[in-house]
Amino acid sequence: MNLEQLEKGDMVYAASHIYNDGSIPNVPDDLLLAAPGTRGMIVETGHLEDAPQRKIFLVRFEDAELNLGPATGCWAEELSASAG
């Protein structure tokens, strides 16, 4: 599946370790938000003004208790459509 075709409400998985780069308020910088294989839900898609040709996904990943965490901006290469 082409990740560029995914939309709001679709399920994805982290393809790499995803850390807070300082852009999520009230979350410590460099906090691990998702390890590879962590399931998440796309809550919005868009692009950055500086990179209109690249789609960015706003994803909320599950924690160990299956609660959704903060919305996290991810590039397609940081996500996978399957757990494995």
C-alpha atoms as a PDB file:
ATOM      1  CA  MET A   1       0.000   0.000   0.000  1.00  0.00           C
ATOM      2  CA  ASN A   2       1.225   3.475  -0.872  1.00  0.00           C
ATOM      3  CA  LEU A   3       1.361   5.485   2.356  1.00  0.00           C
ATOM      4  CA  GLU A   4       0.717   8.688   0.405  1.00  0.00           C
ATOM      5  CA  GLN A   5      -2.843   7.407  -0.173  1.00  0.00           C
ATOM      6  CA  LEU A   6      -3.634   6.997   3.537  1.00  0.00           C
ATOM      7  CA  GLU A   7      -6.134   9.389   5.060  1.00  0.00           C
ATOM      8  CA  LYS A   8      -7.663  10.510   8.330  1.00  0.00           C
ATOM      9  CA  GLY A   9      -8.895   7.519  10.351  1.00  0.00           C
ATOM     10  CA  ASP A  10      -6.514   4.975   8.800  1.00  0.00           C
ATOM     11  CA  MET A  11      -4.371   2.768  11.041  1.00  0.00           C
ATOM     12  CA  VAL A  12      -0.582   2.833  10.680  1.00  0.00           C
ATOM     13  CA  TYR A  13       2.463   1.528  12.529  1.00  0.00           C
ATOM     14  CA  ALA A  14       5.719   3.221  13.443  1.00  0.00           C
ATOM     15  CA  ALA A  15       8.482   2.027  11.112  1.00  0.00           C
ATOM     16  CA  SER A  16      11.227   3.556  13.270  1.00  0.00           C
ATOM     17  CA  HIS A  17      11.691   5.064  16.721  1.00  0.00           C
ATOM     18  CA  ILE A  18       9.732   8.334  16.881  1.00  0.00           C
ATOM     19  CA  TYR A  19      10.782  10.920  19.466  1.00  0.00           C
ATOM     20  CA  ASN A  20       9.405  14.325  20.432  1.00  0.00           C
ATOM     21  CA  ASP A  21      11.579  16.830  18.599  1.00  0.00           C
ATOM     22  CA  GLY A  22      10.379  19.590  20.899  1.00  0.00           C
ATOM     23  CA  SER A  23       7.308  20.437  18.832  1.00  0.00           C
ATOM     24  CA  ILE A  24       4.753  18.781  21.150  1.00  0.00           C
ATOM     25  CA  PRO A  25       3.859  21.051  24.089  1.00  0.00           C
ATOM     26  CA  ASN A  26       3.897  19.626  27.625  1.00  0.00           C
ATOM     27  CA  VAL A  27       5.862  16.547  26.491  1.00  0.00           C
ATOM     28  CA  PRO A  28       9.561  16.287  27.375  1.00  0.00           C
ATOM     29  CA  ASP A  29      11.960  16.798  24.468  1.00  0.00           C
ATOM     30  CA  ASP A  30      13.426  13.527  23.141  1.00  0.00           C
ATOM     31  CA  LEU A  31      10.676  11.430  24.787  1.00  0.00           C
ATOM     32  CA  LEU A  32      10.092   8.174  22.860  1.00  0.00           C
ATOM     33  CA  LEU A  33       6.571   8.454  21.451  1.00  0.00           C
ATOM     34  CA  ALA A  34       6.534   5.222  19.432  1.00  0.00           C
ATOM     35  CA  ALA A  35       8.874   2.272  19.010  1.00  0.00           C
ATOM     36  CA  PRO A  36       8.894   0.342  15.723  1.00  0.00           C
ATOM     37  CA  GLY A  37       5.641  -1.613  15.385  1.00  0.00           C
ATOM     38  CA  THR A  38       3.605   0.694  17.632  1.00  0.00           C
ATOM     39  CA  ARG A  39       0.076   1.076  16.294  1.00  0.00           C
ATOM     40  CA  GLY A  40      -1.336   4.520  15.616  1.00  0.00           C
ATOM     41  CA  MET A  41      -4.283   6.308  14.035  1.00  0.00           C
ATOM     42  CA  ILE A  42      -3.965   9.092  11.470  1.00  0.00           C
ATOM     43  CA  VAL A  43      -5.870  12.114  12.776  1.00  0.00           C
ATOM     44  CA  GLU A  44      -4.981  14.541   9.978  1.00  0.00           C
ATOM     45  CA  THR A  45      -2.838  14.858   6.868  1.00  0.00           C
ATOM     46  CA  GLY A  46      -1.245  17.868   5.270  1.00  0.00           C
ATOM     47  CA  HIS A  47       2.095  19.360   4.306  1.00  0.00           C
ATOM     48  CA  LEU A  48       4.579  21.871   5.624  1.00  0.00           C
ATOM     49  CA  GLU A  49       4.727  25.243   3.936  1.00  0.00           C
ATOM     50  CA  ASP A  50       8.441  24.673   3.263  1.00  0.00           C
ATOM     51  CA  ALA A  51       7.786  21.244   1.686  1.00  0.00           C
ATOM     52  CA  PRO A  52       4.420  21.349  -0.134  1.00  0.00           C
ATOM     53  CA  GLN A  53       5.318  18.317  -2.246  1.00  0.00           C
ATOM     54  CA  ARG A  54       5.751  16.062   0.833  1.00  0.00           C
ATOM     55  CA  LYS A  55       2.729  14.773   2.738  1.00  0.00           C
ATOM     56  CA  ILE A  56       2.939  14.816   6.530  1.00  0.00           C
ATOM     57  CA  PHE A  57       0.732  12.673   8.753  1.00  0.00           C
ATOM     58  CA  LEU A  58      -0.511  13.668  12.195  1.00  0.00           C
ATOM     59  CA  VAL A  59      -0.645  10.377  14.109  1.00  0.00           C
ATOM     60  CA  ARG A  60      -1.683   9.437  17.642  1.00  0.00           C
ATOM     61  CA  PHE A  61       0.183   6.316  18.762  1.00  0.00           C
ATOM     62  CA  GLU A  62      -1.024   3.886  21.421  1.00  0.00           C
ATOM     63  CA  ASP A  63       0.825   3.559  24.718  1.00  0.00           C
ATOM     64  CA  ALA A  64       1.255   0.339  26.739  1.00  0.00           C
ATOM     65  CA  GLU A  65      -2.311   0.680  28.114  1.00  0.00           C
ATOM     66  CA  LEU A  66      -3.712   1.232  24.577  1.00  0.00           C
ATOM     67  CA  ASN A  67      -4.439   4.919  25.250  1.00  0.00           C
ATOM     68  CA  LEU A  68      -3.788   7.279  22.366  1.00  0.00           C
ATOM     69  CA  GLY A  69      -0.872   9.626  22.928  1.00  0.00           C
ATOM     70  CA  PRO A  70      -0.366  13.163  21.662  1.00  0.00           C
ATOM     71  CA  ALA A  71      -0.708  13.958  17.978  1.00  0.00           C
ATOM     72  CA  THR A  72       2.705  13.558  16.352  1.00  0.00           C
ATOM     73  CA  GLY A  73       3.814  14.761  12.931  1.00  0.00           C
ATOM     74  CA  CYS A  74       5.362  11.947  10.863  1.00  0.00           C
ATOM     75  CA  TRP A  75       6.767  11.625   7.349  1.00  0.00           C
ATOM     76  CA  ALA A  76       5.670   8.630   5.230  1.00  0.00           C
ATOM     77  CA  GLU A  77       9.077   6.980   5.646  1.00  0.00           C
ATOM     78  CA  GLU A  78       8.538   6.882   9.446  1.00  0.00           C
ATOM     79  CA  LEU A  79       5.327   4.870   9.034  1.00  0.00           C
ATOM     80  CA  SER A  80       4.245   1.473   7.774  1.00  0.00           C
ATOM     81  CA  ALA A  81       0.846   0.135   6.760  1.00  0.00           C
ATOM     82  CA  SER A  82       1.587  -3.193   8.489  1.00  0.00           C
ATOM     83  CA  ALA A  83       2.924  -4.218  11.889  1.00  0.00           C
ATOM     84  CA  GLY A  84       5.709  -6.386  10.529  1.00  0.00           C
END
